[in-house]
């Protein structure tokens, strides 16, 4: 049982009850799509949202490289039309606009869409589906490049969303979908990426099944290191003249060889998750018993899965820090750990700093290295397994 992972509490809510929902994941025996039931509606999660992509410099750089690659590979230019679904605060489309290419963002979170508009990026705050896609085509024309990065996991109505992608995509256009790879999730013990706003967990196998039902096909796939291991699907209409690359066949073979072509390939994951919990709790309890102070760096959604599953509260971790001002002065859902600006670390000089967004580990290590040397703190990561990093 866990609360919605982005529902960070203001101080006036600390005396109020919270809602907890089951966090259980299932797999379809037919298409092998790994799914979390929609216990919490998308409207409740995404109408106002706490995650701003631009606070991660490495993610903004990832987006810049993506735009450069798409412009070169698919000849995207000023006469093209680019649309991004779940465009967040304009972290990606700002690079498109800077090139003079017409761009439109679709972002359901009103507060985040407003941040994108403040950067000069046209954004519609609405949930995407077939009806909105048809409206956009009628008013503006289809998309030559349609971007769906880290949104394909966030949609409980898969059929309506995928039909919308098909409708909005130009006849010879390219759709790219970036999504965490469920094979890497399991092999990397990344259980904290399971939370209520992630309704689905994708393999190439399950993605091809879903897209083919709507007249779309994967013609290329790229493996990325983002979010602990992601896939970028290059998708076209089934009848488009785009040859399928060898990378698609090779990844299909690897998934099958790893056992992910059947339900049996997913066995054993739960036991490893349990072991990680015990390992982390032993470390935290021992550190506390030795009089050590512990802070957490970062307050991403995934942290709240870890903290709630392990039962970690202020008896074990004093506070978290985060770059996002939206979270300052708030508290983590369920565990109610206070969140401060990063300078709290220098003010309190903790003995250990637990890195919670482990996917940004290298970026955070670089940020914290001077501080750790000054105060003698050691860094800790819990996933894929417990590791203590000397300053």
Protein backbone atom coordinates (compact mmCIF):
# COMPACT_ATOMS: atom_id res chain seq x y z
CA UNK A 1 0.00 0.00 0.00
CA UNK A 2 1.42 3.37 -1.02
CA UNK A 3 0.21 6.97 -1.49
CA UNK A 4 0.41 8.75 -4.88
CA UNK A 5 4.12 9.38 -5.32
CA UNK A 6 3.94 13.03 -6.40
CA UNK A 7 1.46 14.16 -3.75
CA UNK A 8 3.97 16.09 -1.66
CA UNK A 9 2.32 17.44 1.49
CA UNK A 10 2.19 21.04 2.61
CA UNK A 11 2.57 21.67 6.34
CA UNK A 12 -1.15 22.31 6.82
CA UNK A 13 -1.91 18.75 5.63
CA UNK A 14 0.25 16.98 8.20
CA UNK A 15 -2.68 16.49 10.58
CA UNK A 16 -4.94 15.14 7.82
CA UNK A 17 -5.26 11.51 6.71
CA UNK A 18 -3.74 10.33 3.42
CA UNK A 19 -5.08 7.87 0.88
CA UNK A 20 -3.03 4.73 0.25
CA UNK A 21 -3.59 2.43 -2.72
CA UNK A 22 -2.37 -1.05 -3.67
CA UNK A 23 0.92 -1.08 -5.54
CA UNK A 24 0.67 -4.44 -7.25
CA UNK A 25 1.83 -5.27 -10.75
CA UNK A 26 0.37 -7.90 -13.06
CA UNK A 27 1.41 -9.39 -16.39
CA UNK A 28 -0.87 -10.35 -19.26
CA UNK A 29 -0.39 -13.96 -20.30
CA UNK A 30 -1.40 -13.08 -23.87
CA UNK A 31 0.63 -9.98 -24.83
CA UNK A 32 3.04 -9.97 -21.84
CA UNK A 33 2.34 -6.32 -21.07
CA UNK A 34 3.24 -5.63 -17.43
CA UNK A 35 0.51 -3.47 -15.90
CA UNK A 36 -0.49 -1.66 -12.73
CA UNK A 37 -4.27 -1.21 -12.35
CA UNK A 38 -5.43 2.41 -12.48
CA UNK A 39 -6.19 2.77 -8.78
CA UNK A 40 -5.54 6.51 -9.10
CA UNK A 41 -7.00 8.38 -12.08
CA UNK A 42 -4.72 10.33 -14.46
CA UNK A 43 -6.72 13.47 -13.65
CA UNK A 44 -5.87 13.11 -9.96
CA UNK A 45 -2.17 12.59 -10.75
CA UNK A 46 -1.41 14.91 -13.63
CA UNK A 47 -3.72 17.95 -13.43
CA UNK A 48 -1.10 19.59 -11.22
CA UNK A 49 2.29 17.97 -11.15
CA UNK A 50 5.48 18.35 -9.12
CA UNK A 51 8.01 17.07 -11.67
CA UNK A 52 9.76 19.69 -13.81
CA UNK A 53 12.13 18.11 -16.34
CA UNK A 54 14.39 21.15 -16.66
CA UNK A 55 15.83 20.70 -13.16
CA UNK A 56 17.96 17.82 -14.46
CA UNK A 57 20.78 19.23 -16.58
CA UNK A 58 21.61 15.78 -17.96
CA UNK A 59 18.00 15.29 -19.07
CA UNK A 60 17.93 18.66 -20.84
CA UNK A 61 21.16 17.71 -22.59
CA UNK A 62 19.63 14.36 -23.56
CA UNK A 63 16.74 16.27 -25.13
CA UNK A 64 19.09 18.58 -27.01
CA UNK A 65 20.98 15.64 -28.51
CA UNK A 66 17.68 14.01 -29.44
CA UNK A 67 16.55 17.11 -31.36
CA UNK A 68 19.89 17.33 -33.16
CA UNK A 69 19.66 13.67 -34.18
CA UNK A 70 16.06 13.88 -35.39
CA UNK A 71 16.72 17.03 -37.44
CA UNK A 72 19.66 15.37 -39.17
CA UNK A 73 18.21 11.88 -39.64
CA UNK A 74 14.71 12.81 -40.79
CA UNK A 75 15.34 16.22 -42.36
CA UNK A 76 13.14 18.08 -39.89
CA UNK A 77 13.18 21.79 -40.69
CA UNK A 78 11.16 25.04 -40.70
CA UNK A 79 8.56 23.54 -43.04
CA UNK A 80 8.01 20.58 -40.68
CA UNK A 81 5.65 20.33 -37.74
CA UNK A 82 6.78 18.88 -34.39
CA UNK A 83 4.36 17.89 -31.64
CA UNK A 84 5.36 16.50 -28.25
CA UNK A 85 2.89 14.65 -26.05
CA UNK A 86 3.52 15.20 -22.32
CA UNK A 87 5.86 18.07 -23.13
CA UNK A 88 6.37 19.05 -19.48
CA UNK A 89 8.02 22.47 -19.04
CA UNK A 90 9.40 22.72 -22.57
CA UNK A 91 12.72 21.00 -21.73
CA UNK A 92 12.77 19.43 -25.25
CA UNK A 93 10.70 21.72 -27.45
CA UNK A 94 12.86 24.70 -26.51
CA UNK A 95 15.56 23.15 -28.71
CA UNK A 96 13.06 22.76 -31.57
CA UNK A 97 11.83 26.35 -31.29
CA UNK A 98 15.43 27.62 -31.21
CA UNK A 99 15.87 26.13 -34.68
CA UNK A 100 12.86 27.97 -36.04
CA UNK A 101 10.79 24.79 -36.40
CA UNK A 102 7.05 25.02 -35.61
CA UNK A 103 6.40 23.17 -32.36
CA UNK A 104 3.43 22.40 -30.12
CA UNK A 105 3.37 20.80 -26.70
CA UNK A 106 0.48 18.86 -25.17
CA UNK A 107 0.81 18.79 -21.38
CA UNK A 108 -2.09 17.96 -19.03
CA UNK A 109 -0.54 19.56 -15.92
CA UNK A 110 -1.66 23.19 -15.95
CA UNK A 111 1.15 24.48 -13.75
CA UNK A 112 3.82 22.86 -15.94
CA UNK A 113 2.23 23.88 -19.24
CA UNK A 114 2.27 27.45 -17.96
CA UNK A 115 6.01 27.16 -17.28
CA UNK A 116 6.52 26.07 -20.90
CA UNK A 117 4.44 28.96 -22.21
CA UNK A 118 6.60 31.33 -20.17
CA UNK A 119 9.52 30.10 -22.29
CA UNK A 120 7.65 30.96 -25.49
CA UNK A 121 6.60 27.39 -26.28
CA UNK A 122 3.00 26.98 -27.42
CA UNK A 123 1.40 24.43 -25.11
CA UNK A 124 -2.08 22.98 -24.69
CA UNK A 125 -2.95 21.77 -21.20
CA UNK A 126 -5.12 18.76 -22.02
CA UNK A 127 -5.06 14.97 -21.88
CA UNK A 128 -4.17 13.41 -25.20
CA UNK A 129 -6.36 10.93 -27.03
CA UNK A 130 -7.98 10.29 -30.39
CA UNK A 131 -10.46 13.16 -30.11
CA UNK A 132 -7.80 15.78 -29.37
CA UNK A 133 -5.58 14.35 -32.12
CA UNK A 134 -8.35 14.72 -34.70
CA UNK A 135 -8.95 18.30 -33.56
CA UNK A 136 -5.25 19.16 -33.88
CA UNK A 137 -5.04 17.68 -37.38
CA UNK A 138 -8.14 19.62 -38.48
CA UNK A 139 -6.84 22.90 -37.07
CA UNK A 140 -3.09 22.65 -37.67
CA UNK A 141 -2.30 19.61 -39.80
CA UNK A 142 -0.51 16.36 -38.91
CA UNK A 143 2.86 16.01 -37.19
CA UNK A 144 5.97 15.19 -39.21
CA UNK A 145 7.78 14.37 -35.97
CA UNK A 146 5.62 13.18 -33.09
CA UNK A 147 7.43 12.86 -29.76
CA UNK A 148 6.17 10.71 -26.88
CA UNK A 149 9.04 10.55 -24.41
CA UNK A 150 8.32 8.95 -21.03
CA UNK A 151 4.56 9.10 -21.42
CA UNK A 152 3.71 5.67 -22.87
CA UNK A 153 3.88 4.23 -19.35
CA UNK A 154 1.48 6.84 -17.95
CA UNK A 155 -1.70 6.04 -19.90
CA UNK A 156 -4.37 3.66 -18.57
CA UNK A 157 -6.47 3.97 -21.76
CA UNK A 158 -3.88 2.52 -24.11
CA UNK A 159 -6.25 2.07 -27.06
CA UNK A 160 -7.45 5.69 -27.12
CA UNK A 161 -3.93 7.09 -26.69
CA UNK A 162 -2.40 4.91 -29.40
CA UNK A 163 -5.25 5.66 -31.79
CA UNK A 164 -4.53 9.35 -31.16
CA UNK A 165 -0.88 8.86 -32.11
CA UNK A 166 -1.92 7.18 -35.36
CA UNK A 167 -4.36 10.01 -36.15
CA UNK A 168 -1.88 12.82 -35.48
CA UNK A 169 1.09 11.27 -37.30
CA UNK A 170 1.60 12.44 -40.90
CA UNK A 171 1.48 9.67 -43.56
CA UNK A 172 5.26 9.59 -43.87
CA UNK A 173 5.92 11.02 -40.42
CA UNK A 174 8.00 9.54 -37.60
CA UNK A 175 6.82 8.86 -34.08
CA UNK A 176 9.42 8.29 -31.38
CA UNK A 177 8.52 6.74 -28.05
CA UNK A 178 10.97 6.62 -25.15
CA UNK A 179 10.05 4.33 -22.30
CA UNK A 180 11.84 2.46 -19.54
CA UNK A 181 12.68 -1.10 -20.59
CA UNK A 182 11.03 -3.66 -18.31
CA UNK A 183 13.91 -6.06 -18.93
CA UNK A 184 16.36 -3.51 -17.51
CA UNK A 185 13.96 -2.75 -14.64
CA UNK A 186 13.99 -6.38 -13.55
CA UNK A 187 17.67 -7.07 -14.18
CA UNK A 188 18.63 -3.82 -12.41
CA UNK A 189 16.28 -4.39 -9.45
CA UNK A 190 14.67 -1.01 -10.20
CA UNK A 191 11.49 -1.69 -8.24
CA UNK A 192 11.19 1.93 -7.09
CA UNK A 193 10.19 2.90 -10.64
CA UNK A 194 6.90 1.12 -9.95
CA UNK A 195 4.37 3.68 -8.75
CA UNK A 196 0.78 4.63 -9.45
CA UNK A 197 1.43 7.01 -12.32
CA UNK A 198 3.30 4.26 -14.20
CA UNK A 199 0.40 2.16 -15.42
CA UNK A 200 2.49 0.04 -17.83
CA UNK A 201 6.02 -1.38 -18.11
CA UNK A 202 7.18 -2.08 -21.64
CA UNK A 203 9.27 -4.54 -23.60
CA UNK A 204 9.78 -4.42 -27.37
CA UNK A 205 7.52 -7.46 -27.59
CA UNK A 206 4.59 -5.83 -25.81
CA UNK A 207 5.06 -2.47 -27.58
CA UNK A 208 4.97 -4.05 -31.02
CA UNK A 209 1.77 -5.88 -30.11
CA UNK A 210 0.11 -2.68 -28.91
CA UNK A 211 1.20 -0.52 -31.86
CA UNK A 212 0.35 -3.08 -34.53
CA UNK A 213 -3.27 -3.13 -33.36
CA UNK A 214 -3.50 0.50 -34.48
CA UNK A 215 -1.73 0.31 -37.82
CA UNK A 216 1.69 1.38 -36.51
CA UNK A 217 4.98 -0.50 -36.60
CA UNK A 218 8.41 -0.21 -35.02
CA UNK A 219 11.00 0.22 -37.77
CA UNK A 220 13.98 0.89 -35.50
CA UNK A 221 14.84 0.71 -31.82
CA UNK A 222 17.62 2.29 -29.83
CA UNK A 223 18.75 1.31 -26.33
CA UNK A 224 19.40 4.25 -24.01
CA UNK A 225 20.92 4.58 -20.53
CA UNK A 226 18.32 7.09 -19.33
CA UNK A 227 16.12 6.15 -16.36
CA UNK A 228 18.21 3.09 -15.66
CA UNK A 229 17.79 1.69 -19.16
CA UNK A 230 15.23 2.83 -21.72
CA UNK A 231 14.14 2.06 -25.25
CA UNK A 232 13.50 4.55 -28.02
CA UNK A 233 11.08 3.14 -30.56
CA UNK A 234 11.03 4.67 -34.04
CA UNK A 235 7.52 4.17 -35.33
CA UNK A 236 5.76 4.76 -38.65
CA UNK A 237 2.43 3.92 -40.22
CA UNK A 238 2.42 0.28 -41.25
CA UNK A 239 2.32 1.17 -44.95
CA UNK A 240 5.13 3.74 -44.84
CA UNK A 241 8.25 3.03 -46.88
CA UNK A 242 10.67 2.76 -43.96
CA UNK A 243 12.76 -0.43 -43.82
CA UNK A 244 13.01 -2.26 -40.50
CA UNK A 245 16.56 -2.17 -39.10
CA UNK A 246 18.55 -5.11 -37.76
CA UNK A 247 18.40 -3.61 -34.26
CA UNK A 248 14.73 -4.58 -33.97
CA UNK A 249 15.40 -8.25 -34.68
CA UNK A 250 18.44 -8.34 -32.38
CA UNK A 251 16.51 -6.91 -29.44
CA UNK A 252 13.63 -9.31 -30.04
CA UNK A 253 16.11 -12.18 -29.85
CA UNK A 254 17.70 -10.85 -26.65
CA UNK A 255 14.35 -10.44 -24.90
CA UNK A 256 13.39 -13.97 -25.89
CA UNK A 257 16.76 -15.39 -24.80
CA UNK A 258 16.41 -13.63 -21.44
CA UNK A 259 13.10 -15.37 -20.83
CA UNK A 260 10.94 -12.29 -21.37
CA UNK A 261 8.93 -14.00 -24.06
CA UNK A 262 6.95 -15.82 -21.37
CA UNK A 263 5.54 -15.17 -17.92
CA UNK A 264 8.21 -17.41 -16.39
CA UNK A 265 10.91 -14.88 -17.28
CA UNK A 266 9.56 -12.52 -14.63
CA UNK A 267 9.84 -14.98 -11.73
CA UNK A 268 12.16 -14.25 -8.79
CA UNK A 269 11.88 -10.46 -8.96
CA UNK A 270 9.82 -10.11 -5.76
CA UNK A 271 12.36 -12.04 -3.68
CA UNK A 272 15.19 -9.72 -4.79
CA UNK A 273 13.08 -6.69 -3.91
CA UNK A 274 12.52 -8.05 -0.40
CA UNK A 275 16.26 -8.60 0.02
CA UNK A 276 17.01 -5.00 -1.00
CA UNK A 277 14.62 -3.72 1.65
CA UNK A 278 16.30 -5.72 4.40
CA UNK A 279 19.77 -4.67 3.24
CA UNK A 280 18.93 -0.95 3.25
CA UNK A 281 17.15 -1.08 6.61
CA UNK A 282 20.07 -2.92 8.24
CA UNK A 283 22.43 -0.17 7.07
CA UNK A 284 20.19 2.70 8.23
CA UNK A 285 19.45 1.17 11.64
CA UNK A 286 23.13 0.39 12.22
CA UNK A 287 24.17 3.93 11.22
CA UNK A 288 21.60 5.41 13.60
CA UNK A 289 22.73 3.12 16.41
CA UNK A 290 26.26 4.48 15.87
CA UNK A 291 24.95 8.04 16.24
CA UNK A 292 25.28 8.91 12.54
CA UNK A 293 23.10 11.50 10.80
CA UNK A 294 21.55 10.69 7.40
CA UNK A 295 20.06 12.98 4.76
CA UNK A 296 18.56 12.12 1.40
CA UNK A 297 19.42 13.83 -1.89
CA UNK A 298 16.53 14.25 -4.33
CA UNK A 299 12.81 13.80 -3.87
CA UNK A 300 11.70 12.09 -7.09
CA UNK A 301 8.51 10.07 -7.33
CA UNK A 302 10.50 6.83 -7.23
CA UNK A 303 11.88 7.78 -3.81
CA UNK A 304 8.42 7.56 -2.32
CA UNK A 305 8.00 3.97 -3.47
CA UNK A 306 11.28 3.08 -1.77
CA UNK A 307 10.59 5.07 1.41
CA UNK A 308 7.06 3.75 1.88
CA UNK A 309 7.90 0.15 1.01
CA UNK A 310 10.80 0.16 3.47
CA UNK A 311 8.96 2.18 6.14
CA UNK A 312 11.69 4.83 6.24
CA UNK A 313 10.70 7.99 8.11
CA UNK A 314 12.52 10.69 10.08
CA UNK A 315 13.63 8.11 12.63
CA UNK A 316 16.08 6.90 9.96
CA UNK A 317 16.49 9.80 7.49
CA UNK A 318 16.47 13.35 8.87
CA UNK A 319 15.39 15.19 5.73
CA UNK A 320 15.63 15.29 1.94
CA UNK A 321 16.93 18.07 -0.31
CA UNK A 322 15.85 18.81 -3.87
CA UNK A 323 16.64 21.39 -6.53
CA UNK A 324 12.95 21.92 -7.34
CA UNK A 325 11.59 24.95 -5.36
CA UNK A 326 8.07 23.52 -5.71
CA UNK A 327 8.99 20.83 -3.17
CA UNK A 328 10.74 23.03 -0.62
CA UNK A 329 8.84 23.21 2.66
CA UNK A 330 6.76 20.18 1.71
CA UNK A 331 6.86 16.63 3.04
CA UNK A 332 7.09 13.24 1.36
CA UNK A 333 3.74 11.46 1.02
CA UNK A 334 3.19 8.69 3.52
CA UNK A 335 6.55 8.98 5.27
CA UNK A 336 6.36 12.75 5.90
CA UNK A 337 10.07 13.53 5.65
CA UNK A 338 10.69 17.29 5.24
CA UNK A 339 12.21 18.57 1.97
CA UNK A 340 14.69 21.46 1.96
CA UNK A 341 16.88 23.31 -0.56
CA UNK A 342 20.29 21.67 -1.20
CA UNK A 343 22.18 24.14 1.04
CA UNK A 344 20.67 22.33 4.04
CA UNK A 345 23.41 19.72 3.59
CA UNK A 346 26.21 22.22 4.24
CA UNK A 347 24.27 23.70 7.17
CA UNK A 348 23.73 20.36 8.94
CA UNK A 349 26.76 18.34 7.73
CA UNK A 350 25.24 14.84 7.68
CA UNK A 351 27.46 11.76 7.90
CA UNK A 352 25.67 9.97 5.03
CA UNK A 353 23.75 11.24 2.01
CA UNK A 354 21.36 8.72 0.45
CA UNK A 355 21.03 9.36 -3.31
CA UNK A 356 17.40 8.62 -4.16
CA UNK A 357 17.32 9.38 -7.93
CA UNK A 358 19.93 6.69 -8.62
CA UNK A 359 19.43 7.13 -12.39
CA UNK A 360 21.12 10.55 -11.99
CA UNK A 361 23.84 9.16 -9.76
CA UNK A 362 26.82 10.40 -11.78
CA UNK A 363 25.37 13.90 -12.14
CA UNK A 364 24.66 14.06 -8.39
CA UNK A 365 28.08 12.69 -7.45
CA UNK A 366 29.68 15.53 -9.42
CA UNK A 367 27.43 18.09 -7.71
CA UNK A 368 28.13 16.77 -4.21
CA UNK A 369 31.83 15.92 -4.47
CA UNK A 370 33.11 19.32 -3.18
CA UNK A 371 30.58 19.36 -0.34
CA UNK A 372 31.34 15.77 0.68
CA UNK A 373 35.05 16.50 0.79
CA UNK A 374 34.44 19.55 2.96
CA UNK A 375 32.13 17.90 5.50
CA UNK A 376 33.40 14.30 5.25
CA UNK A 377 30.05 12.84 4.22
CA UNK A 378 29.74 9.54 2.39
CA UNK A 379 27.24 8.89 -0.39
CA UNK A 380 24.93 5.89 -0.37
CA UNK A 381 22.85 4.27 -3.13
CA UNK A 382 20.40 1.44 -2.48
CA UNK A 383 19.59 0.29 -6.03
CA UNK A 384 20.49 -2.05 -7.65
CA UNK A 385 22.21 -2.94 -4.37
CA UNK A 386 23.56 -1.09 -1.37
CA UNK A 387 26.78 0.78 -2.08
CA UNK A 388 28.67 3.28 0.07
CA UNK A 389 30.79 5.81 -1.83
CA UNK A 390 33.69 7.53 -0.09
CA UNK A 391 34.08 11.30 -0.59
